[in-house]
């Protein structure tokens, strides 16, 4: 966002909306299309894959300032990974 002009930054900001999720709530699920991108403002979001057995394996954790879905949203790709809030106290995103 550093390269945006102030006018463009204002225009982009009109498309942001705040989202608060509690611990263990999913942001994006494997197998669903990605229709938005998210910026983690507070809290931690876990990245997981769903194994053939149905078990979920966390592979990474994203904190404040992390972007989620920035590439998948362009083509509204089907997610192969999931994103779930793992921090107690929840997570705030835009």
N, C-alpha and C. Protein backbone atom coordinates (compact mmCIF):
# COMPACT_ATOMS: atom_id res chain seq x y z
N UNK A 1 0.80 -1.20 0.00
CA UNK A 1 0.00 0.00 0.00
C UNK A 1 0.85 1.27 0.00
N UNK A 2 2.15 1.14 0.18
CA UNK A 2 3.01 2.32 0.24
C UNK A 2 3.06 3.06 -1.09
N UNK A 3 2.83 2.35 -2.20
CA UNK A 3 2.93 2.98 -3.51
C UNK A 3 1.62 3.59 -3.98
N UNK A 4 0.54 3.42 -3.23
CA UNK A 4 -0.74 4.01 -3.61
C UNK A 4 -0.74 5.51 -3.36
N UNK A 5 -1.37 6.24 -4.27
CA UNK A 5 -1.57 7.66 -4.01
C UNK A 5 -2.63 7.77 -2.91
N UNK A 6 -2.73 8.90 -2.27
CA UNK A 6 -3.72 9.06 -1.20
C UNK A 6 -5.14 8.90 -1.75
N UNK A 7 -5.37 9.36 -2.98
CA UNK A 7 -6.69 9.21 -3.60
C UNK A 7 -7.02 7.73 -3.80
N UNK A 8 -6.06 6.98 -4.35
CA UNK A 8 -6.29 5.56 -4.58
C UNK A 8 -6.44 4.80 -3.26
N UNK A 9 -5.68 5.18 -2.25
CA UNK A 9 -5.78 4.54 -0.93
C UNK A 9 -7.18 4.74 -0.35
N UNK A 10 -7.74 5.95 -0.52
CA UNK A 10 -9.10 6.20 -0.03
C UNK A 10 -10.12 5.34 -0.79
N UNK A 11 -9.94 5.23 -2.10
CA UNK A 11 -10.86 4.43 -2.91
C UNK A 11 -10.81 2.96 -2.49
N UNK A 12 -9.62 2.45 -2.26
CA UNK A 12 -9.46 1.06 -1.84
C UNK A 12 -10.07 0.85 -0.46
N UNK A 13 -9.89 1.80 0.43
CA UNK A 13 -10.37 1.65 1.81
C UNK A 13 -11.89 1.53 1.89
N UNK A 14 -12.62 2.04 0.90
CA UNK A 14 -14.08 1.92 0.90
C UNK A 14 -14.52 0.46 0.76
N UNK A 15 -13.63 -0.40 0.30
CA UNK A 15 -13.97 -1.81 0.10
C UNK A 15 -13.59 -2.66 1.31
N UNK A 16 -12.98 -2.07 2.31
CA UNK A 16 -12.60 -2.80 3.52
C UNK A 16 -13.78 -2.83 4.49
N UNK A 17 -13.91 -3.92 5.17
CA UNK A 17 -14.88 -3.97 6.26
C UNK A 17 -14.26 -4.78 7.39
N UNK A 18 -14.54 -4.39 8.62
CA UNK A 18 -13.95 -5.10 9.75
C UNK A 18 -14.61 -6.45 9.97
N UNK A 19 -13.82 -7.40 10.41
CA UNK A 19 -14.30 -8.75 10.68
C UNK A 19 -13.65 -9.21 11.97
N UNK A 20 -14.45 -9.71 12.91
CA UNK A 20 -13.91 -10.25 14.14
C UNK A 20 -14.35 -11.70 14.25
N UNK A 21 -13.38 -12.59 14.42
CA UNK A 21 -13.67 -14.01 14.58
C UNK A 21 -13.16 -14.49 15.92
N UNK A 22 -13.89 -15.39 16.54
CA UNK A 22 -13.50 -15.99 17.81
C UNK A 22 -12.52 -17.14 17.54
N UNK A 23 -11.85 -17.59 18.60
CA UNK A 23 -10.95 -18.72 18.49
C UNK A 23 -11.71 -19.93 17.93
N UNK A 24 -11.07 -20.68 17.06
CA UNK A 24 -11.59 -21.88 16.39
C UNK A 24 -12.61 -21.58 15.28
N UNK A 25 -12.84 -20.32 14.94
CA UNK A 25 -13.70 -20.01 13.80
C UNK A 25 -12.86 -20.01 12.54
N UNK A 26 -13.43 -20.54 11.45
CA UNK A 26 -12.74 -20.58 10.16
C UNK A 26 -12.98 -19.30 9.39
N UNK A 27 -11.91 -18.84 8.74
CA UNK A 27 -11.97 -17.69 7.84
C UNK A 27 -12.24 -18.18 6.42
N UNK A 28 -11.46 -19.14 5.97
CA UNK A 28 -11.62 -19.78 4.66
C UNK A 28 -11.49 -21.28 4.85
N UNK A 29 -12.31 -22.04 4.12
CA UNK A 29 -12.30 -23.49 4.23
C UNK A 29 -11.72 -24.14 2.98
N UNK A 30 -11.00 -25.24 3.14
CA UNK A 30 -10.54 -25.98 1.95
C UNK A 30 -11.75 -26.42 1.13
N UNK A 31 -11.65 -26.29 -0.19
CA UNK A 31 -12.73 -26.69 -1.07
C UNK A 31 -13.70 -25.59 -1.42
N UNK A 32 -13.59 -24.43 -0.78
CA UNK A 32 -14.47 -23.30 -1.08
C UNK A 32 -13.73 -22.26 -1.91
N UNK A 33 -14.45 -21.50 -2.74
CA UNK A 33 -13.77 -20.45 -3.53
C UNK A 33 -13.33 -19.29 -2.64
N UNK A 34 -12.25 -18.68 -3.01
CA UNK A 34 -11.75 -17.50 -2.31
C UNK A 34 -12.35 -16.28 -3.00
N UNK A 35 -13.18 -15.55 -2.26
CA UNK A 35 -13.87 -14.40 -2.85
C UNK A 35 -13.43 -13.06 -2.25
N UNK A 36 -12.46 -13.11 -1.34
CA UNK A 36 -11.97 -11.88 -0.72
C UNK A 36 -10.55 -12.10 -0.22
N UNK A 37 -9.86 -11.00 0.02
CA UNK A 37 -8.57 -11.10 0.69
C UNK A 37 -8.70 -10.43 2.04
N UNK A 38 -7.84 -10.81 2.96
CA UNK A 38 -7.94 -10.35 4.34
C UNK A 38 -6.58 -9.90 4.84
N UNK A 39 -6.60 -8.94 5.74
CA UNK A 39 -5.40 -8.46 6.41
C UNK A 39 -5.60 -8.69 7.90
N UNK A 40 -4.68 -9.41 8.52
CA UNK A 40 -4.77 -9.68 9.96
C UNK A 40 -4.35 -8.42 10.71
N UNK A 41 -5.27 -7.86 11.48
CA UNK A 41 -4.98 -6.66 12.25
C UNK A 41 -4.57 -6.99 13.68
N UNK A 42 -5.14 -8.08 14.22
CA UNK A 42 -4.84 -8.48 15.59
C UNK A 42 -5.12 -9.97 15.72
N UNK A 43 -4.29 -10.67 16.46
CA UNK A 43 -4.51 -12.09 16.69
C UNK A 43 -3.67 -12.96 15.77
N UNK A 44 -3.94 -14.27 15.82
CA UNK A 44 -3.18 -15.23 15.03
C UNK A 44 -4.16 -16.15 14.30
N UNK A 45 -3.87 -16.39 13.02
CA UNK A 45 -4.67 -17.27 12.17
C UNK A 45 -3.79 -18.44 11.76
N UNK A 46 -4.28 -19.66 11.98
CA UNK A 46 -3.55 -20.85 11.59
C UNK A 46 -3.88 -21.26 10.17
N UNK A 47 -2.87 -21.77 9.47
CA UNK A 47 -3.03 -22.28 8.10
C UNK A 47 -3.01 -23.80 8.21
N UNK A 48 -4.02 -24.46 7.64
CA UNK A 48 -4.07 -25.91 7.76
C UNK A 48 -4.45 -26.58 6.45
N UNK A 49 -4.09 -27.85 6.36
CA UNK A 49 -4.53 -28.70 5.25
C UNK A 49 -5.39 -29.80 5.85
N UNK A 50 -6.34 -30.26 5.07
CA UNK A 50 -7.19 -31.37 5.50
C UNK A 50 -6.68 -32.64 4.82
N UNK A 51 -6.28 -33.60 5.62
CA UNK A 51 -5.78 -34.87 5.10
C UNK A 51 -6.92 -35.75 4.62
N UNK A 52 -6.59 -36.78 3.84
CA UNK A 52 -7.62 -37.69 3.33
C UNK A 52 -8.39 -38.37 4.46
N UNK A 53 -7.77 -38.50 5.61
CA UNK A 53 -8.42 -39.11 6.77
C UNK A 53 -9.43 -38.17 7.43
N UNK A 54 -9.44 -36.90 6.99
CA UNK A 54 -10.31 -35.90 7.60
C UNK A 54 -9.60 -35.10 8.68
N UNK A 55 -8.44 -35.58 9.10
CA UNK A 55 -7.65 -34.87 10.12
C UNK A 55 -7.09 -33.58 9.53
N UNK A 56 -6.96 -32.56 10.37
CA UNK A 56 -6.42 -31.27 9.93
C UNK A 56 -5.01 -31.11 10.48
N UNK A 57 -4.10 -30.68 9.63
CA UNK A 57 -2.70 -30.51 9.99
C UNK A 57 -2.32 -29.04 9.79
N UNK A 58 -1.97 -28.35 10.88
CA UNK A 58 -1.57 -26.95 10.77
C UNK A 58 -0.14 -26.87 10.28
N UNK A 59 0.08 -26.03 9.27
CA UNK A 59 1.39 -25.91 8.64
C UNK A 59 2.06 -24.57 8.87
N UNK A 60 1.28 -23.56 9.30
CA UNK A 60 1.86 -22.23 9.50
C UNK A 60 0.90 -21.41 10.36
N UNK A 61 1.41 -20.30 10.87
CA UNK A 61 0.62 -19.38 11.68
C UNK A 61 0.91 -17.96 11.21
N UNK A 62 -0.14 -17.17 11.01
CA UNK A 62 0.00 -15.81 10.49
C UNK A 62 -0.47 -14.81 11.54
N UNK A 63 0.34 -13.78 11.76
CA UNK A 63 0.02 -12.77 12.76
C UNK A 63 -0.29 -11.43 12.13
N UNK A 64 -0.23 -10.40 12.96
CA UNK A 64 -0.55 -9.04 12.54
C UNK A 64 0.23 -8.63 11.30
N UNK A 65 -0.48 -8.04 10.35
CA UNK A 65 0.14 -7.57 9.12
C UNK A 65 0.16 -8.60 8.00
N UNK A 66 -0.26 -9.83 8.29
CA UNK A 66 -0.26 -10.88 7.26
C UNK A 66 -1.46 -10.73 6.32
N UNK A 67 -1.21 -10.96 5.04
CA UNK A 67 -2.28 -10.96 4.03
C UNK A 67 -2.70 -12.40 3.75
N UNK A 68 -3.99 -12.59 3.58
CA UNK A 68 -4.54 -13.91 3.29
C UNK A 68 -5.40 -13.81 2.04
N UNK A 69 -5.18 -14.69 1.09
CA UNK A 69 -6.01 -14.76 -0.11
C UNK A 69 -5.67 -13.79 -1.21
N UNK A 70 -4.55 -13.09 -1.10
CA UNK A 70 -4.24 -12.05 -2.08
C UNK A 70 -4.02 -12.58 -3.49
N UNK A 71 -3.61 -13.84 -3.64
CA UNK A 71 -3.42 -14.39 -4.97
C UNK A 71 -4.66 -15.18 -5.42
N UNK A 72 -5.26 -15.91 -4.52
CA UNK A 72 -6.40 -16.76 -4.85
C UNK A 72 -7.64 -15.96 -5.22
N UNK A 73 -7.80 -14.76 -4.66
CA UNK A 73 -9.00 -13.96 -4.92
C UNK A 73 -9.07 -13.48 -6.37
N UNK A 74 -7.95 -13.33 -7.02
CA UNK A 74 -7.93 -12.81 -8.40
C UNK A 74 -8.75 -13.70 -9.32
N UNK A 75 -8.56 -15.01 -9.21
CA UNK A 75 -9.30 -15.95 -10.05
C UNK A 75 -10.42 -16.66 -9.29
N UNK A 76 -10.67 -16.24 -8.04
CA UNK A 76 -11.62 -16.89 -7.15
C UNK A 76 -11.37 -18.40 -7.13
N UNK A 77 -10.11 -18.73 -6.90
CA UNK A 77 -9.67 -20.12 -6.89
C UNK A 77 -10.30 -20.89 -5.73
N UNK A 78 -10.42 -22.19 -5.92
CA UNK A 78 -10.87 -23.08 -4.85
C UNK A 78 -9.70 -23.26 -3.88
N UNK A 79 -9.95 -23.05 -2.62
CA UNK A 79 -8.90 -23.12 -1.61
C UNK A 79 -8.49 -24.58 -1.37
N UNK A 80 -7.19 -24.83 -1.34
CA UNK A 80 -6.70 -26.16 -0.98
C UNK A 80 -6.23 -26.18 0.48
N UNK A 81 -6.17 -25.00 1.08
CA UNK A 81 -5.82 -24.87 2.48
C UNK A 81 -6.92 -24.11 3.20
N UNK A 82 -6.93 -24.23 4.51
CA UNK A 82 -7.91 -23.51 5.31
C UNK A 82 -7.22 -22.53 6.25
N UNK A 83 -7.97 -21.59 6.74
CA UNK A 83 -7.47 -20.58 7.68
C UNK A 83 -8.42 -20.52 8.86
N UNK A 84 -7.88 -20.71 10.07
CA UNK A 84 -8.70 -20.73 11.29
C UNK A 84 -8.04 -19.88 12.37
N UNK A 85 -8.85 -19.13 13.09
CA UNK A 85 -8.36 -18.33 14.21
C UNK A 85 -7.89 -19.27 15.31
N UNK A 86 -6.66 -19.06 15.77
CA UNK A 86 -6.11 -19.93 16.82
C UNK A 86 -5.75 -19.16 18.09
N UNK A 87 -5.86 -17.85 18.08
CA UNK A 87 -5.50 -17.07 19.26
C UNK A 87 -6.70 -16.88 20.17
N UNK A 88 -6.49 -17.13 21.45
CA UNK A 88 -7.55 -16.88 22.42
C UNK A 88 -7.79 -15.38 22.46
N UNK A 89 -9.04 -14.99 22.49
CA UNK A 89 -9.38 -13.58 22.38
C UNK A 89 -9.77 -13.23 20.96
N UNK A 90 -9.63 -14.20 20.04
CA UNK A 90 -10.07 -14.01 18.67
C UNK A 90 -9.07 -13.28 17.81
N UNK A 91 -9.55 -12.84 16.65
CA UNK A 91 -8.71 -12.13 15.69
C UNK A 91 -9.55 -11.06 14.99
N UNK A 92 -8.93 -9.92 14.73
CA UNK A 92 -9.56 -8.85 13.97
C UNK A 92 -8.91 -8.78 12.61
N UNK A 93 -9.73 -8.70 11.57
CA UNK A 93 -9.24 -8.65 10.20
C UNK A 93 -10.00 -7.58 9.44
N UNK A 94 -9.42 -7.15 8.34
CA UNK A 94 -10.15 -6.32 7.37
C UNK A 94 -9.94 -6.94 6.02
